[in-house]
N, C-alpha and C. Protein backbone atom coordinates (compact mmCIF):
# COMPACT_ATOMS: atom_id res chain seq x y z
N UNK A 1 -20.95 5.42 -5.77
CA UNK A 1 -19.65 5.38 -5.12
C UNK A 1 -19.42 6.71 -4.40
N UNK A 2 -19.05 6.64 -3.13
CA UNK A 2 -18.86 7.88 -2.38
C UNK A 2 -17.50 8.50 -2.67
N UNK A 3 -17.35 9.72 -2.24
CA UNK A 3 -16.13 10.50 -2.54
C UNK A 3 -14.87 9.85 -1.95
N UNK A 4 -14.98 9.33 -0.73
CA UNK A 4 -13.81 8.70 -0.10
C UNK A 4 -13.37 7.47 -0.90
N UNK A 5 -14.35 6.69 -1.38
CA UNK A 5 -14.01 5.51 -2.19
C UNK A 5 -13.37 5.93 -3.50
N UNK A 6 -13.90 6.97 -4.14
CA UNK A 6 -13.31 7.47 -5.38
C UNK A 6 -11.88 7.96 -5.15
N UNK A 7 -11.67 8.65 -4.04
CA UNK A 7 -10.33 9.15 -3.71
C UNK A 7 -9.37 7.98 -3.52
N UNK A 8 -9.83 6.94 -2.81
CA UNK A 8 -9.00 5.76 -2.60
C UNK A 8 -8.64 5.07 -3.90
N UNK A 9 -9.61 4.92 -4.79
CA UNK A 9 -9.34 4.28 -6.08
C UNK A 9 -8.38 5.11 -6.92
N UNK A 10 -8.56 6.42 -6.90
CA UNK A 10 -7.67 7.30 -7.64
C UNK A 10 -6.24 7.18 -7.10
N UNK A 11 -6.12 7.15 -5.78
CA UNK A 11 -4.81 7.01 -5.16
C UNK A 11 -4.14 5.69 -5.50
N UNK A 12 -4.91 4.61 -5.51
CA UNK A 12 -4.33 3.30 -5.85
C UNK A 12 -3.83 3.29 -7.28
N UNK A 13 -4.55 3.92 -8.19
CA UNK A 13 -4.09 3.97 -9.58
C UNK A 13 -2.80 4.77 -9.71
N UNK A 14 -2.72 5.88 -8.99
CA UNK A 14 -1.49 6.69 -8.98
C UNK A 14 -0.34 5.86 -8.43
N UNK A 15 -0.60 5.12 -7.34
CA UNK A 15 0.44 4.29 -6.73
C UNK A 15 0.90 3.19 -7.67
N UNK A 16 -0.04 2.55 -8.36
CA UNK A 16 0.33 1.50 -9.32
C UNK A 16 1.25 2.05 -10.41
N UNK A 17 0.89 3.19 -10.97
CA UNK A 17 1.71 3.81 -12.01
C UNK A 17 3.09 4.19 -11.47
N UNK A 18 3.11 4.70 -10.26
CA UNK A 18 4.36 5.08 -9.59
C UNK A 18 5.28 3.87 -9.43
N UNK A 19 4.73 2.77 -8.92
CA UNK A 19 5.53 1.56 -8.71
C UNK A 19 6.02 0.97 -10.02
N UNK A 20 5.13 0.88 -11.00
CA UNK A 20 5.54 0.35 -12.32
C UNK A 20 6.68 1.17 -12.90
N UNK A 21 6.60 2.48 -12.74
CA UNK A 21 7.64 3.38 -13.24
C UNK A 21 8.98 3.19 -12.57
N UNK A 22 8.97 2.54 -11.42
CA UNK A 22 10.20 2.29 -10.68
C UNK A 22 10.64 0.83 -10.74
N UNK A 23 10.05 0.09 -11.68
CA UNK A 23 10.51 -1.27 -11.93
C UNK A 23 9.84 -2.36 -11.12
N UNK A 24 8.82 -2.03 -10.36
CA UNK A 24 8.10 -3.06 -9.60
C UNK A 24 7.18 -3.84 -10.54
N UNK A 25 7.10 -5.14 -10.31
CA UNK A 25 6.14 -5.97 -11.02
C UNK A 25 4.93 -6.13 -10.11
N UNK A 26 3.77 -5.73 -10.60
CA UNK A 26 2.54 -5.83 -9.80
C UNK A 26 2.05 -7.27 -9.86
N UNK A 27 1.85 -7.87 -8.70
CA UNK A 27 1.40 -9.26 -8.60
C UNK A 27 -0.11 -9.31 -8.36
N UNK A 28 -0.59 -8.52 -7.42
CA UNK A 28 -2.02 -8.49 -7.10
C UNK A 28 -2.40 -7.11 -6.59
N UNK A 29 -3.67 -6.78 -6.78
CA UNK A 29 -4.23 -5.53 -6.27
C UNK A 29 -5.48 -5.88 -5.46
N UNK A 30 -5.60 -5.25 -4.30
CA UNK A 30 -6.76 -5.43 -3.41
C UNK A 30 -6.99 -6.89 -3.04
N UNK A 31 -5.95 -7.53 -2.52
CA UNK A 31 -6.06 -8.92 -2.08
C UNK A 31 -6.77 -8.96 -0.73
N UNK A 32 -7.82 -9.77 -0.64
CA UNK A 32 -8.62 -9.86 0.58
C UNK A 32 -8.45 -11.21 1.26
N UNK A 33 -8.53 -11.18 2.58
CA UNK A 33 -8.59 -12.40 3.39
C UNK A 33 -9.39 -12.05 4.64
N UNK A 34 -9.55 -13.00 5.51
CA UNK A 34 -10.31 -12.74 6.74
C UNK A 34 -9.64 -11.68 7.61
N UNK A 35 -8.33 -11.55 7.50
CA UNK A 35 -7.60 -10.58 8.32
C UNK A 35 -7.73 -9.15 7.80
N UNK A 36 -8.06 -9.00 6.52
CA UNK A 36 -8.17 -7.66 5.96
C UNK A 36 -7.82 -7.63 4.49
N UNK A 37 -7.25 -6.52 4.06
CA UNK A 37 -6.93 -6.31 2.65
C UNK A 37 -5.52 -5.77 2.52
N UNK A 38 -4.85 -6.19 1.45
CA UNK A 38 -3.56 -5.62 1.07
C UNK A 38 -3.80 -4.88 -0.24
N UNK A 39 -3.49 -3.59 -0.25
CA UNK A 39 -3.79 -2.77 -1.43
C UNK A 39 -3.03 -3.23 -2.66
N UNK A 40 -1.71 -3.36 -2.54
CA UNK A 40 -0.88 -3.75 -3.69
C UNK A 40 0.17 -4.75 -3.22
N UNK A 41 0.32 -5.81 -3.98
CA UNK A 41 1.39 -6.77 -3.75
C UNK A 41 2.26 -6.74 -5.00
N UNK A 42 3.54 -6.49 -4.79
CA UNK A 42 4.45 -6.32 -5.92
C UNK A 42 5.77 -7.05 -5.63
N UNK A 43 6.55 -7.20 -6.69
CA UNK A 43 7.89 -7.75 -6.54
C UNK A 43 8.89 -6.78 -7.15
N UNK A 44 10.00 -6.66 -6.48
CA UNK A 44 11.14 -5.90 -6.98
C UNK A 44 12.31 -6.85 -6.92
N UNK A 45 12.69 -7.36 -8.08
CA UNK A 45 13.65 -8.46 -8.16
C UNK A 45 13.13 -9.62 -7.34
N UNK A 46 13.84 -10.08 -6.32
CA UNK A 46 13.41 -11.22 -5.51
C UNK A 46 12.61 -10.81 -4.28
N UNK A 47 12.49 -9.52 -4.04
CA UNK A 47 11.83 -9.00 -2.84
C UNK A 47 10.33 -8.83 -3.05
N UNK A 48 9.52 -9.37 -2.12
CA UNK A 48 8.07 -9.17 -2.15
C UNK A 48 7.78 -7.89 -1.36
N UNK A 49 6.95 -7.03 -1.95
CA UNK A 49 6.63 -5.76 -1.32
C UNK A 49 5.11 -5.65 -1.18
N UNK A 50 4.67 -5.48 0.06
CA UNK A 50 3.25 -5.33 0.38
C UNK A 50 3.02 -3.85 0.65
N UNK A 51 2.12 -3.25 -0.13
CA UNK A 51 1.99 -1.80 -0.12
C UNK A 51 0.62 -1.38 0.40
N UNK A 52 0.65 -0.51 1.40
CA UNK A 52 -0.55 0.14 1.90
C UNK A 52 -0.58 1.53 1.26
N UNK A 53 -1.68 1.85 0.61
CA UNK A 53 -1.83 3.15 -0.04
C UNK A 53 -2.78 4.00 0.79
N UNK A 54 -2.33 5.19 1.15
CA UNK A 54 -3.17 6.12 1.91
C UNK A 54 -3.27 7.40 1.11
N UNK A 55 -4.50 7.76 0.77
CA UNK A 55 -4.73 8.94 -0.06
C UNK A 55 -5.65 9.90 0.69
N UNK A 56 -5.30 11.16 0.66
CA UNK A 56 -6.12 12.19 1.29
C UNK A 56 -6.23 13.37 0.34
N UNK A 57 -7.37 14.03 0.40
CA UNK A 57 -7.54 15.29 -0.33
C UNK A 57 -7.01 16.39 0.58
N UNK A 58 -5.78 16.76 0.33
CA UNK A 58 -5.08 17.71 1.20
C UNK A 58 -3.87 18.25 0.46
N UNK A 59 -3.36 19.38 0.94
CA UNK A 59 -2.10 19.89 0.41
C UNK A 59 -0.91 19.16 1.01
N UNK A 60 -1.13 18.50 2.15
CA UNK A 60 -0.03 17.95 2.93
C UNK A 60 -0.01 16.43 2.92
N UNK A 61 1.14 15.85 2.65
CA UNK A 61 1.31 14.40 2.71
C UNK A 61 1.13 13.87 4.13
N UNK A 62 1.39 14.70 5.11
CA UNK A 62 1.30 14.25 6.50
C UNK A 62 -0.09 13.70 6.84
N UNK A 63 -1.13 14.27 6.25
CA UNK A 63 -2.49 13.79 6.52
C UNK A 63 -2.63 12.31 6.15
N UNK A 64 -2.03 11.92 5.04
CA UNK A 64 -2.08 10.52 4.62
C UNK A 64 -1.18 9.66 5.49
N UNK A 65 0.01 10.16 5.80
CA UNK A 65 0.95 9.39 6.62
C UNK A 65 0.40 9.14 8.02
N UNK A 66 -0.26 10.14 8.58
CA UNK A 66 -0.76 10.03 9.95
C UNK A 66 -2.02 9.18 10.06
N UNK A 67 -2.58 8.77 8.94
CA UNK A 67 -3.83 8.02 8.98
C UNK A 67 -3.65 6.54 9.28
N UNK A 68 -2.41 6.10 9.44
CA UNK A 68 -2.15 4.69 9.76
C UNK A 68 -2.15 4.52 11.27
N UNK A 69 -3.20 3.91 11.78
CA UNK A 69 -3.30 3.67 13.22
C UNK A 69 -2.58 2.37 13.59
N UNK A 70 -2.34 2.19 14.86
CA UNK A 70 -1.73 0.95 15.33
C UNK A 70 -2.61 -0.24 14.95
N UNK A 71 -3.91 -0.10 15.09
CA UNK A 71 -4.84 -1.17 14.72
C UNK A 71 -4.72 -1.53 13.25
N UNK A 72 -4.61 -0.52 12.38
CA UNK A 72 -4.47 -0.76 10.94
C UNK A 72 -3.14 -1.46 10.66
N UNK A 73 -2.09 -1.05 11.33
CA UNK A 73 -0.77 -1.68 11.15
C UNK A 73 -0.83 -3.16 11.52
N UNK A 74 -1.45 -3.46 12.65
CA UNK A 74 -1.55 -4.85 13.11
C UNK A 74 -2.39 -5.69 12.14
N UNK A 75 -3.49 -5.12 11.66
CA UNK A 75 -4.37 -5.82 10.73
C UNK A 75 -3.63 -6.11 9.42
N UNK A 76 -2.89 -5.12 8.94
CA UNK A 76 -2.12 -5.29 7.71
C UNK A 76 -1.06 -6.37 7.87
N UNK A 77 -0.36 -6.37 8.99
CA UNK A 77 0.66 -7.38 9.22
C UNK A 77 0.04 -8.78 9.25
N UNK A 78 -1.11 -8.93 9.88
CA UNK A 78 -1.78 -10.24 9.90
C UNK A 78 -2.17 -10.66 8.49
N UNK A 79 -2.62 -9.72 7.66
CA UNK A 79 -2.98 -10.03 6.27
C UNK A 79 -1.74 -10.46 5.48
N UNK A 80 -0.61 -9.80 5.70
CA UNK A 80 0.63 -10.17 5.02
C UNK A 80 1.04 -11.59 5.40
N UNK A 81 0.99 -11.90 6.68
CA UNK A 81 1.33 -13.27 7.11
C UNK A 81 0.39 -14.29 6.49
N UNK A 82 -0.88 -13.93 6.38
CA UNK A 82 -1.86 -14.83 5.76
C UNK A 82 -1.51 -15.04 4.28
N UNK A 83 -1.17 -13.97 3.58
CA UNK A 83 -0.79 -14.08 2.16
C UNK A 83 0.43 -14.98 2.01
N UNK A 84 1.44 -14.76 2.83
CA UNK A 84 2.66 -15.56 2.75
C UNK A 84 2.36 -17.04 2.98
N UNK A 85 1.49 -17.33 3.93
CA UNK A 85 1.15 -18.71 4.23
C UNK A 85 0.35 -19.34 3.09
N UNK A 86 -0.67 -18.65 2.61
CA UNK A 86 -1.53 -19.17 1.54
C UNK A 86 -0.72 -19.46 0.28
N UNK A 87 0.26 -18.60 -0.01
CA UNK A 87 1.05 -18.75 -1.23
C UNK A 87 2.39 -19.46 -1.00
N UNK A 88 2.54 -20.04 0.17
CA UNK A 88 3.74 -20.80 0.54
C UNK A 88 5.02 -19.99 0.29
N UNK A 89 5.00 -18.78 0.80
CA UNK A 89 6.13 -17.87 0.63
C UNK A 89 6.81 -17.52 1.96
N UNK A 90 6.63 -18.36 2.96
CA UNK A 90 7.14 -18.06 4.30
C UNK A 90 8.64 -17.78 4.32
N UNK A 91 9.37 -18.34 3.37
CA UNK A 91 10.83 -18.19 3.37
C UNK A 91 11.31 -17.02 2.50
N UNK A 92 10.42 -16.32 1.88
CA UNK A 92 10.85 -15.25 0.97
C UNK A 92 11.23 -13.99 1.74
N UNK A 93 11.97 -13.12 1.07
CA UNK A 93 12.27 -11.80 1.63
C UNK A 93 11.11 -10.87 1.30
N UNK A 94 10.70 -10.07 2.30
CA UNK A 94 9.56 -9.18 2.08
C UNK A 94 9.66 -7.96 2.98
N UNK A 95 8.86 -6.97 2.62
CA UNK A 95 8.74 -5.77 3.46
C UNK A 95 7.36 -5.16 3.22
N UNK A 96 7.00 -4.26 4.11
CA UNK A 96 5.75 -3.50 3.96
C UNK A 96 6.12 -2.05 3.70
N UNK A 97 5.60 -1.51 2.62
CA UNK A 97 5.81 -0.10 2.28
C UNK A 97 4.51 0.66 2.43
N UNK A 98 4.64 1.93 2.63
CA UNK A 98 3.50 2.84 2.66
C UNK A 98 3.67 3.83 1.53
N UNK A 99 2.63 3.99 0.75
CA UNK A 99 2.62 5.06 -0.24
C UNK A 99 1.55 6.05 0.20
N UNK A 100 1.99 7.28 0.44
CA UNK A 100 1.09 8.35 0.86
C UNK A 100 0.90 9.30 -0.32
N UNK A 101 -0.36 9.66 -0.55
CA UNK A 101 -0.69 10.53 -1.66
C UNK A 101 -1.57 11.66 -1.15
N UNK A 102 -1.20 12.87 -1.51
CA UNK A 102 -2.01 14.04 -1.20
C UNK A 102 -2.53 14.60 -2.51
N UNK A 103 -3.85 14.67 -2.64
CA UNK A 103 -4.48 15.22 -3.84
C UNK A 103 -4.99 16.61 -3.53
N UNK A 104 -4.54 17.58 -4.31
CA UNK A 104 -4.96 18.96 -4.09
C UNK A 104 -5.15 19.64 -5.43
N UNK A 105 -6.37 19.98 -5.71
CA UNK A 105 -6.73 20.71 -6.95
C UNK A 105 -6.14 20.07 -8.20
N UNK A 106 -6.31 18.76 -8.30
CA UNK A 106 -5.88 18.05 -9.50
C UNK A 106 -4.42 17.66 -9.53
N UNK A 107 -3.66 18.08 -8.54
CA UNK A 107 -2.24 17.72 -8.48
C UNK A 107 -2.05 16.68 -7.38
N UNK A 108 -1.13 15.76 -7.64
CA UNK A 108 -0.86 14.70 -6.66
C UNK A 108 0.59 14.79 -6.18
N UNK A 109 0.76 14.75 -4.87
CA UNK A 109 2.08 14.57 -4.27
C UNK A 109 2.13 13.13 -3.80
N UNK A 110 3.27 12.51 -3.96
CA UNK A 110 3.38 11.11 -3.58
C UNK A 110 4.72 10.86 -2.90
N UNK A 111 4.69 10.02 -1.89
CA UNK A 111 5.92 9.59 -1.25
C UNK A 111 5.80 8.12 -0.91
N UNK A 112 6.91 7.41 -1.00
CA UNK A 112 6.96 6.00 -0.65
C UNK A 112 7.88 5.84 0.55
N UNK A 113 7.36 5.20 1.59
CA UNK A 113 8.16 4.91 2.77
C UNK A 113 8.43 3.41 2.75
N UNK A 114 9.67 3.06 2.49
CA UNK A 114 10.04 1.64 2.44
C UNK A 114 10.18 1.10 3.85
N UNK A 115 9.75 -0.16 4.02
CA UNK A 115 9.82 -0.80 5.33
C UNK A 115 9.19 0.11 6.38
N UNK A 116 8.00 0.56 6.07
CA UNK A 116 7.34 1.65 6.78
C UNK A 116 7.11 1.38 8.26
N UNK A 117 6.90 0.15 8.63
CA UNK A 117 6.55 -0.12 10.02
C UNK A 117 7.74 -0.65 10.80
N UNK A 118 8.87 -0.84 10.12
CA UNK A 118 10.13 -1.20 10.75
C UNK A 118 9.97 -2.35 11.74
N UNK A 119 9.43 -3.44 11.25
CA UNK A 119 9.17 -4.58 12.13
C UNK A 119 10.48 -5.11 12.62
C-alpha cells in the first residue's frame, strides 16, 4: 500500500469517528458505481449526507480543501445521483459535505463544510 493510500485510509477513519461523534449514523463507506466512489454515506435524522473526505499531509487545511477539482465535483455529483436512484431515494433530502483533514506530525486538523458545493 502506498503512502497516499495510507493517508487516505487514515483520513477516512478520522472522518468516520468525527461524524459518529456528532450524531451521524454511518450507512456505507466507499460506495462504488460506474460514476465513481462516495467516501462516506451517512444520515443525520432524516437528512442523507454524502461525504467526500480529502486528506493531506500538511500543516494547512487549505491543501485538502483546494484538492477538489471541478471534474471531481461533477463525478461525485453523478455518483450521488446514481446512489439515490439505485436505492430509490430520489425524494429524500440530501446534501454533499466535504471533510478536509490536514495531518502534520501525528496531529490532525479537521473541518467539515456542509453543503460544500452549494448546488
